[in-house]
Amino acid sequence: KQKIGIVAAFMHQPDILLLDEPSSGLDPLMQNRLIALMEKVKAQ
């Protein structure tokens, strides 16, 4: 469910993201993928 929420937040490629405890419930692999996604968004 958390991953569905993440997709819903990111999928329209917004200029601003408000993420309240985005890693909650994610396993370490998915936490790392979320970090990589945030780093990509930041670079943009």
Full PDB file with SEQRES, HELIX, SHEET, SSBOND, CRYST1, ORIGX, SCALE, CONECT and MASTER records, all heavy atoms in Angstrom:
SEQRES   1 A   44  LYS GLN LYS ILE GLY ILE VAL ALA ALA PHE MET HIS GLN          
SEQRES   2 A   44  PRO ASP ILE LEU LEU LEU ASP GLU PRO SER SER GLY LEU          
SEQRES   3 A   44  ASP PRO LEU MET GLN ASN ARG LEU ILE ALA LEU MET GLU          
SEQRES   4 A   44  LYS VAL LYS ALA GLN                                          
HELIX    1 AA1 GLN A    2  PHE A   10  1                                   9    
HELIX    2 AA2 PRO A   28  ALA A   43  1                                  16    
CRYST1    1.000    1.000    1.000  90.00  90.00  90.00 P 1           1          
ORIGX1      1.000000  0.000000  0.000000        0.00000                         
ORIGX2      0.000000  1.000000  0.000000        0.00000                         
ORIGX3      0.000000  0.000000  1.000000        0.00000                         
SCALE1      1.000000  0.000000  0.000000        0.00000                         
SCALE2      0.000000  1.000000  0.000000        0.00000                         
SCALE3      0.000000  0.000000  1.000000        0.00000                         
ATOM      1  N   LYS A   1       0.831  -1.206   0.000  1.00  0.00           N  
ATOM      2  CA  LYS A   1       0.000   0.000   0.000  1.00  0.00           C  
ATOM      3  C   LYS A   1       0.869   1.262   0.000  1.00  0.00           C  
ATOM      4  O   LYS A   1       0.550   2.246  -0.676  1.00  0.00           O  
ATOM      5  CB  LYS A   1      -0.926   0.013   1.218  1.00  0.00           C  
ATOM      6  CG  LYS A   1      -2.051  -0.997   1.157  1.00  0.00           C  
ATOM      7  CD  LYS A   1      -2.894  -0.942   2.428  1.00  0.00           C  
ATOM      8  CE  LYS A   1      -4.023  -1.958   2.382  1.00  0.00           C  
ATOM      9  NZ  LYS A   1      -4.830  -1.961   3.637  1.00  0.00           N  
ATOM     10  N   GLN A   2       1.967   1.220   0.745  1.00  0.00           N  
ATOM     11  CA  GLN A   2       2.866   2.374   0.782  1.00  0.00           C  
ATOM     12  C   GLN A   2       3.450   2.651  -0.600  1.00  0.00           C  
ATOM     13  O   GLN A   2       3.562   3.805  -1.022  1.00  0.00           O  
ATOM     14  CB  GLN A   2       3.992   2.127   1.801  1.00  0.00           C  
ATOM     15  CG  GLN A   2       4.882   3.333   2.066  1.00  0.00           C  
ATOM     16  CD  GLN A   2       4.177   4.425   2.865  1.00  0.00           C  
ATOM     17  OE1 GLN A   2       3.068   4.232   3.353  1.00  0.00           O  
ATOM     18  NE2 GLN A   2       4.817   5.570   2.975  1.00  0.00           N  
ATOM     19  N   LYS A   3       3.795   1.583  -1.305  1.00  0.00           N  
ATOM     20  CA  LYS A   3       4.352   1.761  -2.656  1.00  0.00           C  
ATOM     21  C   LYS A   3       3.315   2.339  -3.619  1.00  0.00           C  
ATOM     22  O   LYS A   3       3.646   3.165  -4.479  1.00  0.00           O  
ATOM     23  CB  LYS A   3       4.913   0.430  -3.169  1.00  0.00           C  
ATOM     24  CG  LYS A   3       6.179  -0.009  -2.433  1.00  0.00           C  
ATOM     25  CD  LYS A   3       6.886  -1.154  -3.116  1.00  0.00           C  
ATOM     26  CE  LYS A   3       6.197  -2.468  -2.933  1.00  0.00           C  
ATOM     27  NZ  LYS A   3       6.986  -3.593  -3.498  1.00  0.00           N  
ATOM     28  N   ILE A   4       2.058   1.937  -3.472  1.00  0.00           N  
ATOM     29  CA  ILE A   4       0.992   2.530  -4.287  1.00  0.00           C  
ATOM     30  C   ILE A   4       0.887   4.032  -3.987  1.00  0.00           C  
ATOM     31  O   ILE A   4       0.740   4.862  -4.900  1.00  0.00           O  
ATOM     32  CB  ILE A   4      -0.362   1.829  -4.012  1.00  0.00           C  
ATOM     33  CG1 ILE A   4      -0.349   0.398  -4.568  1.00  0.00           C  
ATOM     34  CG2 ILE A   4      -1.521   2.636  -4.588  1.00  0.00           C  
ATOM     35  CD1 ILE A   4      -0.394   0.305  -6.080  1.00  0.00           C  
ATOM     36  N   GLY A   5       0.987   4.384  -2.701  1.00  0.00           N  
ATOM     37  CA  GLY A   5       0.946   5.792  -2.317  1.00  0.00           C  
ATOM     38  C   GLY A   5       2.100   6.585  -2.905  1.00  0.00           C  
ATOM     39  O   GLY A   5       1.934   7.742  -3.320  1.00  0.00           O  
ATOM     40  N   ILE A   6       3.283   5.976  -2.941  1.00  0.00           N  
ATOM     41  CA  ILE A   6       4.463   6.639  -3.529  1.00  0.00           C  
ATOM     42  C   ILE A   6       4.242   6.879  -5.016  1.00  0.00           C  
ATOM     43  O   ILE A   6       4.512   7.967  -5.527  1.00  0.00           O  
ATOM     44  CB  ILE A   6       5.725   5.788  -3.286  1.00  0.00           C  
ATOM     45  CG1 ILE A   6       6.092   5.791  -1.794  1.00  0.00           C  
ATOM     46  CG2 ILE A   6       6.902   6.321  -4.115  1.00  0.00           C  
ATOM     47  CD1 ILE A   6       7.140   4.762  -1.417  1.00  0.00           C  
ATOM     48  N   VAL A   7       3.745   5.859  -5.715  1.00  0.00           N  
ATOM     49  CA  VAL A   7       3.475   6.012  -7.156  1.00  0.00           C  
ATOM     50  C   VAL A   7       2.458   7.131  -7.382  1.00  0.00           C  
ATOM     51  O   VAL A   7       2.625   7.974  -8.278  1.00  0.00           O  
ATOM     52  CB  VAL A   7       2.974   4.689  -7.766  1.00  0.00           C  
ATOM     53  CG1 VAL A   7       2.527   4.909  -9.215  1.00  0.00           C  
ATOM     54  CG2 VAL A   7       4.072   3.629  -7.712  1.00  0.00           C  
ATOM     55  N   ALA A   8       1.413   7.181  -6.556  1.00  0.00           N  
ATOM     56  CA  ALA A   8       0.391   8.218  -6.702  1.00  0.00           C  
ATOM     57  C   ALA A   8       0.990   9.615  -6.515  1.00  0.00           C  
ATOM     58  O   ALA A   8       0.590  10.560  -7.192  1.00  0.00           O  
ATOM     59  CB  ALA A   8      -0.731   7.985  -5.695  1.00  0.00           C  
ATOM     60  N   ALA A   9       1.971   9.740  -5.608  1.00  0.00           N  
ATOM     61  CA  ALA A   9       2.586  11.048  -5.347  1.00  0.00           C  
ATOM     62  C   ALA A   9       3.508  11.492  -6.476  1.00  0.00           C  
ATOM     63  O   ALA A   9       3.577  12.678  -6.810  1.00  0.00           O  
ATOM     64  CB  ALA A   9       3.357  10.992  -4.029  1.00  0.00           C  
ATOM     65  N   PHE A  10       4.204  10.529  -7.083  1.00  0.00           N  
ATOM     66  CA  PHE A  10       5.238  10.863  -8.073  1.00  0.00           C  
ATOM     67  C   PHE A  10       4.748  10.820  -9.521  1.00  0.00           C  
ATOM     68  O   PHE A  10       5.379  11.403 -10.400  1.00  0.00           O  
ATOM     69  CB  PHE A  10       6.418   9.891  -7.948  1.00  0.00           C  
ATOM     70  CG  PHE A  10       7.376  10.198  -6.827  1.00  0.00           C  
ATOM     71  CD1 PHE A  10       7.097   9.793  -5.533  1.00  0.00           C  
ATOM     72  CD2 PHE A  10       8.569  10.875  -7.071  1.00  0.00           C  
ATOM     73  CE1 PHE A  10       7.987  10.060  -4.492  1.00  0.00           C  
ATOM     74  CE2 PHE A  10       9.462  11.140  -6.053  1.00  0.00           C  
ATOM     75  CZ  PHE A  10       9.171  10.744  -4.756  1.00  0.00           C  
ATOM     76  N   MET A  11       3.645  10.134  -9.812  1.00  0.00           N  
ATOM     77  CA  MET A  11       3.349   9.739 -11.192  1.00  0.00           C  
ATOM     78  C   MET A  11       3.018  10.899 -12.122  1.00  0.00           C  
ATOM     79  O   MET A  11       3.183  10.788 -13.341  1.00  0.00           O  
ATOM     80  CB  MET A  11       2.226   8.699 -11.226  1.00  0.00           C  
ATOM     81  CG  MET A  11       0.866   9.202 -10.816  1.00  0.00           C  
ATOM     82  SD  MET A  11      -0.339   7.844 -10.855  1.00  0.00           S  
ATOM     83  CE  MET A  11      -1.859   8.738 -10.510  1.00  0.00           C  
ATOM     84  N   HIS A  12       2.549  12.038 -11.582  1.00  0.00           N  
ATOM     85  CA  HIS A  12       2.269  13.176 -12.459  1.00  0.00           C  
ATOM     86  C   HIS A  12       3.461  14.130 -12.551  1.00  0.00           C  
ATOM     87  O   HIS A  12       3.344  15.225 -13.085  1.00  0.00           O  
ATOM     88  CB  HIS A  12       1.011  13.920 -12.002  1.00  0.00           C  
ATOM     89  CG  HIS A  12       1.059  14.472 -10.605  1.00  0.00           C  
ATOM     90  ND1 HIS A  12       1.386  13.697  -9.511  1.00  0.00           N  
ATOM     91  CD2 HIS A  12       0.823  15.715 -10.123  1.00  0.00           C  
ATOM     92  CE1 HIS A  12       1.339  14.447  -8.419  1.00  0.00           C  
ATOM     93  NE2 HIS A  12       1.015  15.664  -8.760  1.00  0.00           N  
ATOM     94  N   GLN A  13       4.620  13.663 -12.037  1.00  0.00           N  
ATOM     95  CA  GLN A  13       5.890  14.394 -12.120  1.00  0.00           C  
ATOM     96  C   GLN A  13       5.743  15.849 -11.656  1.00  0.00           C  
ATOM     97  O   GLN A  13       6.055  16.793 -12.378  1.00  0.00           O  
ATOM     98  CB  GLN A  13       6.439  14.326 -13.547  1.00  0.00           C  
ATOM     99  CG  GLN A  13       6.755  12.901 -13.979  1.00  0.00           C  
ATOM    100  CD  GLN A  13       7.294  12.789 -15.390  1.00  0.00           C  
ATOM    101  OE1 GLN A  13       6.559  12.949 -16.363  1.00  0.00           O  
ATOM    102  NE2 GLN A  13       8.595  12.536 -15.499  1.00  0.00           N  
ATOM    103  N   PRO A  14       5.289  16.017 -10.405  1.00  0.00           N  
ATOM    104  CA  PRO A  14       5.052  17.368  -9.889  1.00  0.00           C  
ATOM    105  C   PRO A  14       6.354  18.111  -9.602  1.00  0.00           C  
ATOM    106  O   PRO A  14       7.396  17.486  -9.372  1.00  0.00           O  
ATOM    107  CB  PRO A  14       4.281  17.110  -8.596  1.00  0.00           C  
ATOM    108  CG  PRO A  14       4.780  15.767  -8.144  1.00  0.00           C  
ATOM    109  CD  PRO A  14       4.989  14.977  -9.402  1.00  0.00           C  
ATOM    110  N   ASP A  15       6.280  19.429  -9.576  1.00  0.00           N  
ATOM    111  CA  ASP A  15       7.451  20.247  -9.252  1.00  0.00           C  
ATOM    112  C   ASP A  15       7.762  20.215  -7.767  1.00  0.00           C  
ATOM    113  O   ASP A  15       8.892  20.493  -7.350  1.00  0.00           O  
ATOM    114  CB  ASP A  15       7.213  21.706  -9.686  1.00  0.00           C  
ATOM    115  CG  ASP A  15       7.148  21.848 -11.192  1.00  0.00           C  
ATOM    116  OD1 ASP A  15       7.809  21.049 -11.887  1.00  0.00           O  
ATOM    117  OD2 ASP A  15       6.429  22.740 -11.673  1.00  0.00           O  
ATOM    118  N   ILE A  16       6.752  19.906  -6.938  1.00  0.00           N  
ATOM    119  CA  ILE A  16       6.895  19.932  -5.484  1.00  0.00           C  
ATOM    120  C   ILE A  16       6.332  18.636  -4.917  1.00  0.00           C  
ATOM    121  O   ILE A  16       5.246  18.183  -5.309  1.00  0.00           O  
ATOM    122  CB  ILE A  16       6.135  21.129  -4.873  1.00  0.00           C  
ATOM    123  CG1 ILE A  16       6.655  22.446  -5.469  1.00  0.00           C  
ATOM    124  CG2 ILE A  16       6.253  21.147  -3.361  1.00  0.00           C  
ATOM    125  CD1 ILE A  16       5.636  23.533  -5.492  1.00  0.00           C  
ATOM    126  N   LEU A  17       7.078  18.032  -3.989  1.00  0.00           N  
ATOM    127  CA  LEU A  17       6.636  16.807  -3.325  1.00  0.00           C  
ATOM    128  C   LEU A  17       6.636  17.009  -1.820  1.00  0.00           C  
ATOM    129  O   LEU A  17       7.628  17.484  -1.246  1.00  0.00           O  
ATOM    130  CB  LEU A  17       7.551  15.642  -3.694  1.00  0.00           C  
ATOM    131  CG  LEU A  17       7.367  15.110  -5.120  1.00  0.00           C  
ATOM    132  CD1 LEU A  17       8.681  14.665  -5.714  1.00  0.00           C  
ATOM    133  CD2 LEU A  17       6.358  13.967  -5.139  1.00  0.00           C  
ATOM    134  N   LEU A  18       5.534  16.647  -1.187  1.00  0.00           N  
ATOM    135  CA  LEU A  18       5.414  16.645   0.266  1.00  0.00           C  
ATOM    136  C   LEU A  18       5.281  15.187   0.693  1.00  0.00           C  
ATOM    137  O   LEU A  18       4.257  14.553   0.439  1.00  0.00           O  
ATOM    138  CB  LEU A  18       4.194  17.446   0.729  1.00  0.00           C  
ATOM    139  CG  LEU A  18       4.067  18.880   0.218  1.00  0.00           C  
ATOM    140  CD1 LEU A  18       2.783  19.521   0.756  1.00  0.00           C  
ATOM    141  CD2 LEU A  18       5.281  19.713   0.616  1.00  0.00           C  
ATOM    142  N   LEU A  19       6.330  14.649   1.303  1.00  0.00           N  
ATOM    143  CA  LEU A  19       6.394  13.221   1.607  1.00  0.00           C  
ATOM    144  C   LEU A  19       6.463  13.022   3.114  1.00  0.00           C  
ATOM    145  O   LEU A  19       7.467  13.338   3.751  1.00  0.00           O  
ATOM    146  CB  LEU A  19       7.613  12.592   0.924  1.00  0.00           C  
ATOM    147  CG  LEU A  19       7.741  12.836  -0.589  1.00  0.00           C  
ATOM    148  CD1 LEU A  19       9.039  12.227  -1.112  1.00  0.00           C  
ATOM    149  CD2 LEU A  19       6.537  12.278  -1.334  1.00  0.00           C  
ATOM    150  N   ASP A  20       5.402  12.473   3.681  1.00  0.00           N  
ATOM    151  CA  ASP A  20       5.300  12.282   5.123  1.00  0.00           C  
ATOM    152  C   ASP A  20       5.616  10.821   5.439  1.00  0.00           C  
ATOM    153  O   ASP A  20       4.804   9.936   5.188  1.00  0.00           O  
ATOM    154  CB  ASP A  20       3.898  12.657   5.585  1.00  0.00           C  
ATOM    155  CG  ASP A  20       3.798  12.828   7.098  1.00  0.00           C  
ATOM    156  OD1 ASP A  20       4.795  12.533   7.788  1.00  0.00           O  
ATOM    157  OD2 ASP A  20       2.733  13.248   7.577  1.00  0.00           O  
ATOM    158  N   GLU A  21       6.802  10.572   5.967  1.00  0.00           N  
ATOM    159  CA  GLU A  21       7.277   9.220   6.294  1.00  0.00           C  
ATOM    160  C   GLU A  21       7.156   8.281   5.086  1.00  0.00           C  
ATOM    161  O   GLU A  21       6.501   7.232   5.159  1.00  0.00           O  
ATOM    162  CB  GLU A  21       6.502   8.641   7.482  1.00  0.00           C  
ATOM    163  CG  GLU A  21       6.565   9.472   8.750  1.00  0.00           C  
ATOM    164  CD  GLU A  21       7.903   9.358   9.474  1.00  0.00           C  
ATOM    165  OE1 GLU A  21       8.770   8.612   9.008  1.00  0.00           O  
ATOM    166  OE2 GLU A  21       8.076  10.031  10.506  1.00  0.00           O  
ATOM    167  N   PRO A  22       7.789   8.613   3.967  1.00  0.00           N  
ATOM    168  CA  PRO A  22       7.599   7.809   2.746  1.00  0.00           C  
ATOM    169  C   PRO A  22       8.146   6.394   2.832  1.00  0.00           C  
ATOM    170  O   PRO A  22       7.699   5.520   2.084  1.00  0.00           O  
ATOM    171  CB  PRO A  22       8.343   8.613   1.677  1.00  0.00           C  
ATOM    172  CG  PRO A  22       9.373   9.399   2.429  1.00  0.00           C  
ATOM    173  CD  PRO A  22       8.711   9.744   3.724  1.00  0.00           C  
ATOM    174  N   SER A  23       9.121   6.137   3.714  1.00  0.00           N  
ATOM    175  CA  SER A  23       9.720   4.796   3.802  1.00  0.00           C  
ATOM    176  C   SER A  23       8.971   3.863   4.735  1.00  0.00           C  
ATOM    177  O   SER A  23       9.356   2.708   4.894  1.00  0.00           O  
ATOM    178  CB  SER A  23      11.175   4.902   4.267  1.00  0.00           C  
ATOM    179  OG  SER A  23      11.958   5.529   3.283  1.00  0.00           O  
ATOM    180  N   SER A  24       7.921   4.347   5.368  1.00  0.00           N  
ATOM    181  CA  SER A  24       7.186   3.535   6.334  1.00  0.00           C  
ATOM    182  C   SER A  24       6.677   2.251   5.694  1.00  0.00           C  
ATOM    183  O   SER A  24       5.985   2.271   4.675  1.00  0.00           O  
ATOM    184  CB  SER A  24       6.001   4.344   6.878  1.00  0.00           C  
ATOM    185  OG  SER A  24       5.237   3.568   7.762  1.00  0.00           O  
ATOM    186  N   GLY A  25       7.055   1.122   6.271  1.00  0.00           N  
ATOM    187  CA  GLY A  25       6.591  -0.174   5.787  1.00  0.00           C  
ATOM    188  C   GLY A  25       7.392  -0.768   4.649  1.00  0.00           C  
ATOM    189  O   GLY A  25       7.112  -1.884   4.221  1.00  0.00           O  
ATOM    190  N   LEU A  26       8.387  -0.035   4.135  1.00  0.00           N  
ATOM    191  CA  LEU A  26       9.183  -0.545   3.015  1.00  0.00           C  
ATOM    192  C   LEU A  26      10.341  -1.399   3.517  1.00  0.00           C  
ATOM    193  O   LEU A  26      10.944  -1.095   4.557  1.00  0.00           O  
ATOM    194  CB  LEU A  26       9.746   0.616   2.182  1.00  0.00           C  
ATOM    195  CG  LEU A  26       8.755   1.552   1.507  1.00  0.00           C  
ATOM    196  CD1 LEU A  26       9.519   2.562   0.648  1.00  0.00           C  
ATOM    197  CD2 LEU A  26       7.743   0.791   0.666  1.00  0.00           C  
ATOM    198  N   ASP A  27      10.694  -2.451   2.765  1.00  0.00           N  
ATOM    199  CA  ASP A  27      11.872  -3.242   3.112  1.00  0.00           C  
ATOM    200  C   ASP A  27      13.125  -2.481   2.655  1.00  0.00           C  
ATOM    201  O   ASP A  27      13.025  -1.490   1.911  1.00  0.00           O  
ATOM    202  CB  ASP A  27      11.803  -4.642   2.491  1.00  0.00           C  
ATOM    203  CG  ASP A  27      11.760  -4.625   0.964  1.00  0.00           C  
ATOM    204  OD1 ASP A  27      12.495  -3.829   0.345  1.00  0.00           O  
ATOM    205  OD2 ASP A  27      11.001  -5.414   0.385  1.00  0.00           O  
ATOM    206  N   PRO A  28      14.315  -2.900   3.103  1.00  0.00           N  
ATOM    207  CA  PRO A  28      15.543  -2.138   2.782  1.00  0.00           C  
ATOM    208  C   PRO A  28      15.779  -1.934   1.291  1.00  0.00           C  
ATOM    209  O   PRO A  28      16.257  -0.875   0.883  1.00  0.00           O  
ATOM    210  CB  PRO A  28      16.649  -2.990   3.417  1.00  0.00           C  
ATOM    211  CG  PRO A  28      15.980  -3.683   4.557  1.00  0.00           C  
ATOM    212  CD  PRO A  28      14.594  -3.976   4.082  1.00  0.00           C  
ATOM    213  N   LEU A  29      15.451  -2.939   0.468  1.00  0.00           N  
ATOM    214  CA  LEU A  29      15.645  -2.789  -0.982  1.00  0.00           C  
ATOM    215  C   LEU A  29      14.778  -1.666  -1.532  1.00  0.00           C  
ATOM    216  O   LEU A  29      15.250  -0.804  -2.302  1.00  0.00           O  
ATOM    217  CB  LEU A  29      15.304  -4.100  -1.694  1.00  0.00           C  
ATOM    218  CG  LEU A  29      15.323  -4.045  -3.228  1.00  0.00           C  
ATOM    219  CD1 LEU A  29      16.711  -3.683  -3.756  1.00  0.00           C  
ATOM    220  CD2 LEU A  29      14.853  -5.379  -3.820  1.00  0.00           C  
ATOM    221  N   MET A  30      13.517  -1.632  -1.122  1.00  0.00           N  
ATOM    222  CA  MET A  30      12.605  -0.603  -1.610  1.00  0.00           C  
ATOM    223  C   MET A  30      12.940   0.765  -1.020  1.00  0.00           C  
ATOM    224  O   MET A  30      12.741   1.796  -1.657  1.00  0.00           O  
ATOM    225  CB  MET A  30      11.155  -0.986  -1.303  1.00  0.00           C  
ATOM    226  CG  MET A  30      10.690  -2.181  -2.107  1.00  0.00           C  
ATOM    227  SD  MET A  30      10.793  -1.870  -3.900  1.00  0.00           S  
ATOM    228  CE  MET A  30      11.298  -3.465  -4.521  1.00  0.00           C  
ATOM    229  N   GLN A  31      13.462   0.789   0.204  1.00  0.00           N  
ATOM    230  CA  GLN A  31      13.930   2.051   0.779  1.00  0.00           C  
ATOM    231  C   GLN A  31      15.041   2.638  -0.085  1.00  0.00           C  
ATOM    232  O   GLN A  31      15.052   3.847  -0.370  1.00  0.00           O  
ATOM    233  CB  GLN A  31      14.435   1.834   2.208  1.00  0.00           C  
ATOM    234  CG  GLN A  31      13.341   1.585   3.229  1.00  0.00           C  
ATOM    235  CD  GLN A  31      13.898   1.293   4.610  1.00  0.00           C  
ATOM    236  OE1 GLN A  31      15.075   1.506   4.877  1.00  0.00           O  
ATOM    237  NE2 GLN A  31      13.053   0.805   5.495  1.00  0.00           N  
ATOM    238  N   ASN A  32      15.968   1.788  -0.508  1.00  0.00           N  
ATOM    239  CA  ASN A  32      17.066   2.263  -1.356  1.00  0.00           C  
ATOM    240  C   ASN A  32      16.551   2.751  -2.709  1.00  0.00           C  
ATOM    241  O   ASN A  32      17.069   3.735  -3.263  1.00  0.00           O  
ATOM    242  CB  ASN A  32      18.100   1.146  -1.549  1.00  0.00           C  
ATOM    243  CG  ASN A  32      18.923   0.893  -0.308  1.00  0.00           C  
ATOM    244  OD1 ASN A  32      19.079   1.780   0.537  1.00  0.00           O  
ATOM    245  ND2 ASN A  32      19.454  -0.306  -0.166  1.00  0.00           N  
ATOM    246  N   ARG A  33      15.548   2.073  -3.242  1.00  0.00           N  
ATOM    247  CA  ARG A  33      14.986   2.513  -4.522  1.00  0.00           C  
ATOM    248  C   ARG A  33      14.278   3.860  -4.374  1.00  0.00           C  
ATOM    249  O   ARG A  33      14.343   4.705  -5.271  1.00  0.00           O  
ATOM    250  CB  ARG A  33      14.029   1.448  -5.069  1.00  0.00           C  
ATOM    251  CG  ARG A  33      14.770   0.209  -5.534  1.00  0.00           C  
ATOM    252  CD  ARG A  33      13.905  -0.706  -6.362  1.00  0.00           C  
ATOM    253  NE  ARG A  33      14.657  -1.907  -6.731  1.00  0.00           N  
ATOM    254  CZ  ARG A  33      14.174  -2.908  -7.439  1.00  0.00           C  
ATOM    255  NH1 ARG A  33      12.917  -2.851  -7.883  1.00  0.00           N  
ATOM    256  NH2 ARG A  33      14.918  -3.957  -7.723  1.00  0.00           N  
ATOM    257  N   LEU A  34      13.613   4.048  -3.241  1.00  0.00           N  
ATOM    258  CA  LEU A  34      12.960   5.336  -2.999  1.00  0.00           C  
ATOM    259  C   LEU A  34      13.995   6.453  -2.880  1.00  0.00           C  
ATOM    260  O   LEU A  34      13.815   7.541  -3.438  1.00  0.00           O  
ATOM    261  CB  LEU A  34      12.108   5.265  -1.732  1.00  0.00           C  
ATOM    262  CG  LEU A  34      11.470   6.581  -1.289  1.00  0.00           C  
ATOM    263  CD1 LEU A  34      10.528   7.129  -2.365  1.00  0.00           C  
ATOM    264  CD2 LEU A  34      10.730   6.401   0.036  1.00  0.00           C  
ATOM    265  N   ILE A  35      15.091   6.186  -2.175  1.00  0.00           N  
ATOM    266  CA  ILE A  35      16.163   7.172  -2.043  1.00  0.00           C  
ATOM    267  C   ILE A  35      16.718   7.536  -3.418  1.00  0.00           C  
ATOM    268  O   ILE A  35      16.924   8.722  -3.733  1.00  0.00           O  
ATOM    269  CB  ILE A  35      17.277   6.650  -1.121  1.00  0.00           C  
ATOM    270  CG1 ILE A  35      16.790   6.615   0.335  1.00  0.00           C  
ATOM    271  CG2 ILE A  35      18.542   7.517  -1.229  1.00  0.00           C  
ATOM    272  CD1 ILE A  35      17.728   5.909   1.287  1.00  0.00           C  
ATOM    273  N   ALA A  36      16.932   6.524  -4.260  1.00  0.00           N  
ATOM    274  CA  ALA A  36      17.446   6.774  -5.609  1.00  0.00           C  
ATOM    275  C   ALA A  36      16.456   7.611  -6.420  1.00  0.00           C  
ATOM    276  O   ALA A  36      16.861   8.508  -7.184  1.00  0.00           O  
ATOM    277  CB  ALA A  36      17.718   5.445  -6.315  1.00  0.00           C  
ATOM    278  N   LEU A  37      15.165   7.355  -6.261  1.00  0.00           N  
ATOM    279  CA  LEU A  37      14.143   8.129  -6.968  1.00  0.00           C  
ATOM    280  C   LEU A  37      14.157   9.581  -6.498  1.00  0.00           C  
ATOM    281  O   LEU A  37      14.075  10.507  -7.322  1.00  0.00           O  
ATOM    282  CB  LEU A  37      12.762   7.506  -6.743  1.00  0.00           C  
ATOM    283  CG  LEU A  37      11.577   8.219  -7.396  1.00  0.00           C  
ATOM    284  CD1 LEU A  37      11.743   8.274  -8.916  1.00  0.00           C  
ATOM    285  CD2 LEU A  37      10.262   7.536  -7.020  1.00  0.00           C  
ATOM    286  N   MET A  38      14.271   9.799  -5.194  1.00  0.00           N  
ATOM    287  CA  MET A  38      14.307  11.169  -4.670  1.00  0.00           C  
ATOM    288  C   MET A  38      15.558  11.905  -5.144  1.00  0.00           C  
ATOM    289  O   MET A  38      15.515  13.102  -5.455  1.00  0.00           O  
ATOM    290  CB  MET A  38      14.223  11.159  -3.140  1.00  0.00           C  
ATOM    291  CG  MET A  38      12.843  10.802  -2.621  1.00  0.00           C  
ATOM    292  SD  MET A  38      12.647  11.096  -0.839  1.00  0.00           S  
ATOM    293  CE  MET A  38      13.684   9.788  -0.173  1.00  0.00           C  
ATOM    294  N   GLU A  39      16.685  11.191  -5.217  1.00  0.00           N  
ATOM    295  CA  GLU A  39      17.919  11.816  -5.716  1.00  0.00           C  
ATOM    296  C   GLU A  39      17.763  12.222  -7.192  1.00  0.00           C  
ATOM    297  O   GLU A  39      18.244  13.284  -7.604  1.00  0.00           O  
ATOM    298  CB  GLU A  39      19.098  10.855  -5.549  1.00  0.00           C  
ATOM    299  CG  GLU A  39      19.526  10.679  -4.097  1.00  0.00           C  
ATOM    300  CD  GLU A  39      20.618   9.636  -3.918  1.00  0.00           C  
ATOM    301  OE1 GLU A  39      20.695   8.703  -4.764  1.00  0.00           O  
ATOM    302  OE2 GLU A  39      21.386   9.743  -2.960  1.00  0.00           O  
ATOM    303  N   LYS A  40      17.066  11.400  -7.962  1.00  0.00           N  
ATOM    304  CA  LYS A  40      16.814  11.708  -9.373  1.00  0.00           C  
ATOM    305  C   LYS A  40      15.923  12.939  -9.498  1.00  0.00           C  
ATOM    306  O   LYS A  40      16.177  13.844 -10.317  1.00  0.00           O  
ATOM    307  CB  LYS A  40      16.159  10.503 -10.057  1.00  0.00           C  
ATOM    308  CG  LYS A  40      15.881  10.697 -11.537  1.00  0.00           C  
ATOM    309  CD  LYS A  40      15.246   9.449 -12.136  1.00  0.00           C  
ATOM    310  CE  LYS A  40      14.933   9.638 -13.614  1.00  0.00           C  
ATOM    311  NZ  LYS A  40      14.296   8.419 -14.195  1.00  0.00           N  
ATOM    312  N   VAL A  41      14.878  12.989  -8.697  1.00  0.00           N  
ATOM    313  CA  VAL A  41      13.956  14.131  -8.702  1.00  0.00           C  
ATOM    314  C   VAL A  41      14.683  15.407  -8.297  1.00  0.00           C  
ATOM    315  O   VAL A  41      14.491  16.473  -8.899  1.00  0.00           O  
ATOM    316  CB  VAL A  41      12.766  13.846  -7.759  1.00  0.00           C  
ATOM    317  CG1 VAL A  41      11.989  15.110  -7.449  1.00  0.00           C  
ATOM    318  CG2 VAL A  41      11.844  12.801  -8.377  1.00  0.00           C  
ATOM    319  N   LYS A  42      15.531  15.293  -7.289  1.00  0.00           N  
ATOM    320  CA  LYS A  42      16.324  16.447  -6.842  1.00  0.00           C  
ATOM    321  C   LYS A  42      17.228  16.952  -7.971  1.00  0.00           C  
ATOM    322  O   LYS A  42      17.352  18.174  -8.192  1.00  0.00           O  
ATOM    323  CB  LYS A  42      17.158  16.046  -5.630  1.00  0.00           C  
ATOM    324  CG  LYS A  42      18.098  17.123  -5.120  1.00  0.00           C  
ATOM    325  CD  LYS A  42      18.910  16.612  -3.937  1.00  0.00           C  
ATOM    326  CE  LYS A  42      19.924  17.632  -3.477  1.00  0.00           C  
ATOM    327  NZ  LYS A  42      20.702  17.142  -2.324  1.00  0.00           N  
ATOM    328  N   ALA A  43      17.859  16.033  -8.695  1.00  0.00           N  
ATOM    329  CA  ALA A  43      18.759  16.414  -9.799  1.00  0.00           C  
ATOM    330  C   ALA A  43      18.006  17.126 -10.913  1.00  0.00           C  
ATOM    331  O   ALA A  43      18.599  17.907 -11.672  1.00  0.00           O  
ATOM    332  CB  ALA A  43      19.464  15.176 -10.344  1.00  0.00           C  
ATOM    333  N   GLN A  44      16.707  16.891 -11.002  1.00  0.00           N  
ATOM    334  CA  GLN A  44      15.876  17.550 -12.008  1.00  0.00           C  
ATOM    335  C   GLN A  44      15.423  18.938 -11.565  1.00  0.00           C  
ATOM    336  O   GLN A  44      14.710  19.620 -12.306  1.00  0.00           O  
ATOM    337  CB  GLN A  44      14.658  16.676 -12.325  1.00  0.00           C  
ATOM    338  CG  GLN A  44      15.011  15.354 -13.008  1.00  0.00           C  
ATOM    339  CD  GLN A  44      13.844  14.381 -13.047  1.00  0.00           C  
ATOM    340  OE1 GLN A  44      12.830  14.556 -12.368  1.00  0.00           O  
ATOM    341  NE2 GLN A  44      13.978  13.330 -13.855  1.00  0.00           N  
TER     342      GLN A  44                                                      
MASTER        0    0    0    2    0    0    0    6  341    1    0    4          
END                                                                             
